[in-house]
Amino acid sequence: MFLLAFAGIPLTSGFTAKFAVFAPAVAHGAVWLAVVGVVASAIAAFFYVRVIVLMYFSEPSGDATTVAIPSAMTTVALTIGVAMTVILGVFPQPVLDLAAHSAVFIP
């Protein structure tokens, strides 16, 4: 899930963050900069998806395969992280408003 957010897949906080950066660049005439950012994001997404494919759709190599069972606190932390990634991807406006209001106080 976090790799998909890094790639900027819609309905994740990564998409919202990339949109929040690229939209003002386009609005102020730096379309070339947004295009470079989108191309760089697409190249990075290829590598992120490759890791996902290797993790979930490939057979492990070698005989030393081990399974690590996470602790309860690790599960809680990951669950909170995934939930916030999706929530901020679906409902980003409160955080974007907070950032816009905070920018007023920057000298």
C-alpha atoms as a PDB file:
ATOM      1  CA  MET A   1       0.000   0.000   0.000  1.00  0.00           C
ATOM      2  CA  PHE A   2       2.793   2.391   0.864  1.00  0.00           C
ATOM      3  CA  LEU A   3       4.600   1.673  -2.408  1.00  0.00           C
ATOM      4  CA  LEU A   4       1.399   2.498  -4.280  1.00  0.00           C
ATOM      5  CA  ALA A   5       1.176   5.773  -2.358  1.00  0.00           C
ATOM      6  CA  PHE A   6       4.803   6.558  -3.252  1.00  0.00           C
ATOM      7  CA  ALA A   7       3.910   5.922  -6.889  1.00  0.00           C
ATOM      8  CA  GLY A   8       1.036   8.411  -6.664  1.00  0.00           C
ATOM      9  CA  ILE A   9      -1.815   6.024  -7.367  1.00  0.00           C
ATOM     10  CA  PRO A  10      -5.229   7.730  -6.957  1.00  0.00           C
ATOM     11  CA  LEU A  11      -7.084   7.328  -3.654  1.00  0.00           C
ATOM     12  CA  THR A  12      -3.821   7.440  -1.714  1.00  0.00           C
ATOM     13  CA  SER A  13      -2.145  10.340   0.029  1.00  0.00           C
ATOM     14  CA  GLY A  14       0.730  10.155  -2.468  1.00  0.00           C
ATOM     15  CA  PHE A  15      -1.580  11.115  -5.319  1.00  0.00           C
ATOM     16  CA  THR A  16      -2.945  14.024  -3.300  1.00  0.00           C
ATOM     17  CA  ALA A  17       0.561  15.216  -2.463  1.00  0.00           C
ATOM     18  CA  LYS A  18       1.732  15.056  -6.075  1.00  0.00           C
ATOM     19  CA  PHE A  19      -1.403  16.834  -7.248  1.00  0.00           C
ATOM     20  CA  ALA A  20      -0.911  19.530  -4.586  1.00  0.00           C
ATOM     21  CA  VAL A  21       2.609  20.145  -5.921  1.00  0.00           C
ATOM     22  CA  PHE A  22       1.970  19.895  -9.670  1.00  0.00           C
ATOM     23  CA  ALA A  23      -1.291  21.905  -9.821  1.00  0.00           C
ATOM     24  CA  PRO A  24       0.233  25.212  -8.612  1.00  0.00           C
ATOM     25  CA  ALA A  25       3.181  24.717 -10.951  1.00  0.00           C
ATOM     26  CA  VAL A  26       0.799  24.455 -13.906  1.00  0.00           C
ATOM     27  CA  ALA A  27      -1.306  27.360 -12.623  1.00  0.00           C
ATOM     28  CA  HIS A  28       1.746  29.630 -12.514  1.00  0.00           C
ATOM     29  CA  GLY A  29       2.991  28.723 -15.985  1.00  0.00           C
ATOM     30  CA  ALA A  30       5.646  26.138 -15.148  1.00  0.00           C
ATOM     31  CA  VAL A  31       4.036  23.393 -17.185  1.00  0.00           C
ATOM     32  CA  TRP A  32       7.441  22.041 -18.180  1.00  0.00           C
ATOM     33  CA  LEU A  33       8.289  21.524 -14.509  1.00  0.00           C
ATOM     34  CA  ALA A  34       5.061  19.607 -13.908  1.00  0.00           C
ATOM     35  CA  VAL A  35       5.732  17.454 -16.972  1.00  0.00           C
ATOM     36  CA  VAL A  36       9.233  16.641 -15.700  1.00  0.00           C
ATOM     37  CA  GLY A  37       7.731  15.749 -12.304  1.00  0.00           C
ATOM     38  CA  VAL A  38       5.071  13.516 -13.822  1.00  0.00           C
ATOM     39  CA  VAL A  39       7.630  11.727 -16.003  1.00  0.00           C
ATOM     40  CA  ALA A  40       9.909  11.231 -12.993  1.00  0.00           C
ATOM     41  CA  SER A  41       6.940   9.894 -11.019  1.00  0.00           C
ATOM     42  CA  ALA A  42       6.089   7.466 -13.813  1.00  0.00           C
ATOM     43  CA  ILE A  43       9.671   6.189 -13.917  1.00  0.00           C
ATOM     44  CA  ALA A  44       9.699   5.758 -10.147  1.00  0.00           C
ATOM     45  CA  ALA A  45       6.308   3.992 -10.273  1.00  0.00           C
ATOM     46  CA  PHE A  46       7.849   1.363 -12.573  1.00  0.00           C
ATOM     47  CA  PHE A  47      10.402   0.475  -9.908  1.00  0.00           C
ATOM     48  CA  TYR A  48       7.813   0.477  -7.113  1.00  0.00           C
ATOM     49  CA  VAL A  49       5.509  -1.845  -9.050  1.00  0.00           C
ATOM     50  CA  ARG A  50       8.474  -4.102  -9.833  1.00  0.00           C
ATOM     51  CA  VAL A  51       9.120  -4.515  -6.103  1.00  0.00           C
ATOM     52  CA  ILE A  52       5.441  -5.330  -5.533  1.00  0.00           C
ATOM     53  CA  VAL A  53       5.519  -7.959  -8.294  1.00  0.00           C
ATOM     54  CA  LEU A  54       8.667  -9.529  -6.850  1.00  0.00           C
ATOM     55  CA  MET A  55       7.179  -9.584  -3.351  1.00  0.00           C
ATOM     56  CA  TYR A  56       3.783 -11.068  -4.158  1.00  0.00           C
ATOM     57  CA  PHE A  57       3.868 -12.743  -7.572  1.00  0.00           C
ATOM     58  CA  SER A  58       7.264 -14.457  -7.692  1.00  0.00           C
ATOM     59  CA  GLU A  59       8.436 -17.667  -6.107  1.00  0.00           C
ATOM     60  CA  PRO A  60      11.155 -17.185  -3.491  1.00  0.00           C
ATOM     61  CA  SER A  61      14.629 -18.165  -4.575  1.00  0.00           C
ATOM     62  CA  GLY A  62      16.774 -20.373  -2.397  1.00  0.00           C
ATOM     63  CA  ASP A  63      15.982 -22.796   0.394  1.00  0.00           C
ATOM     64  CA  ALA A  64      16.262 -20.375   3.306  1.00  0.00           C
ATOM     65  CA  THR A  65      12.713 -19.008   3.244  1.00  0.00           C
ATOM     66  CA  THR A  66      11.564 -17.718   6.607  1.00  0.00           C
ATOM     67  CA  VAL A  67       8.305 -16.230   7.772  1.00  0.00           C
ATOM     68  CA  ALA A  68       8.366 -13.385  10.261  1.00  0.00           C
ATOM     69  CA  ILE A  69       5.190 -12.843  12.256  1.00  0.00           C
ATOM     70  CA  PRO A  70       4.836  -9.180  13.262  1.00  0.00           C
ATOM     71  CA  SER A  71       4.048  -8.224  16.825  1.00  0.00           C
ATOM     72  CA  ALA A  72       0.737  -6.670  17.805  1.00  0.00           C
ATOM     73  CA  MET A  73       2.267  -3.177  17.984  1.00  0.00           C
ATOM     74  CA  THR A  74       3.699  -3.542  14.472  1.00  0.00           C
ATOM     75  CA  THR A  75       0.275  -4.566  13.195  1.00  0.00           C
ATOM     76  CA  VAL A  76      -1.351  -1.585  14.920  1.00  0.00           C
ATOM     77  CA  ALA A  77       1.225   0.840  13.511  1.00  0.00           C
ATOM     78  CA  LEU A  78       0.849  -0.508   9.979  1.00  0.00           C
ATOM     79  CA  THR A  79      -2.940  -0.465  10.227  1.00  0.00           C
ATOM     80  CA  ILE A  80      -2.938   3.166  11.351  1.00  0.00           C
ATOM     81  CA  GLY A  81      -0.482   4.088   8.590  1.00  0.00           C
ATOM     82  CA  VAL A  82      -2.525   2.401   5.862  1.00  0.00           C
ATOM     83  CA  ALA A  83      -5.760   3.901   7.183  1.00  0.00           C
ATOM     84  CA  MET A  84      -4.283   7.413   7.190  1.00  0.00           C
ATOM     85  CA  THR A  85      -2.848   6.908   3.705  1.00  0.00           C
ATOM     86  CA  VAL A  86      -6.283   6.035   2.355  1.00  0.00           C
ATOM     87  CA  ILE A  87      -8.174   8.625   4.419  1.00  0.00           C
ATOM     88  CA  LEU A  88      -5.847  11.436   3.326  1.00  0.00           C
ATOM     89  CA  GLY A  89      -6.141  10.210  -0.257  1.00  0.00           C
ATOM     90  CA  VAL A  90      -9.947  10.223  -0.214  1.00  0.00           C
ATOM     91  CA  PHE A  91     -10.566  13.246   2.056  1.00  0.00           C
ATOM     92  CA  PRO A  92      -7.505  15.521   1.700  1.00  0.00           C
ATOM     93  CA  GLN A  93      -9.244  18.874   2.003  1.00  0.00           C
ATOM     94  CA  PRO A  94      -8.901  19.429   5.792  1.00  0.00           C
ATOM     95  CA  VAL A  95      -5.129  18.931   5.621  1.00  0.00           C
ATOM     96  CA  LEU A  96      -4.820  21.070   2.483  1.00  0.00           C
ATOM     97  CA  ASP A  97      -6.825  23.843   4.182  1.00  0.00           C
ATOM     98  CA  LEU A  98      -4.576  23.609   7.248  1.00  0.00           C
ATOM     99  CA  ALA A  99      -1.504  23.940   5.032  1.00  0.00           C
ATOM    100  CA  ALA A 100      -2.988  26.944   3.210  1.00  0.00           C
ATOM    101  CA  HIS A 101      -3.834  28.687   6.478  1.00  0.00           C
ATOM    102  CA  SER A 102      -0.417  27.884   7.936  1.00  0.00           C
ATOM    103  CA  ALA A 103       1.309  29.497   4.967  1.00  0.00           C
ATOM    104  CA  VAL A 104      -0.117  32.862   6.026  1.00  0.00           C
ATOM    105  CA  PHE A 105       2.185  32.866   9.062  1.00  0.00           C
ATOM    106  CA  ILE A 106       5.385  32.317   7.067  1.00  0.00           C
ATOM    107  CA  PRO A 107       7.258  35.637   6.784  1.00  0.00           C
END
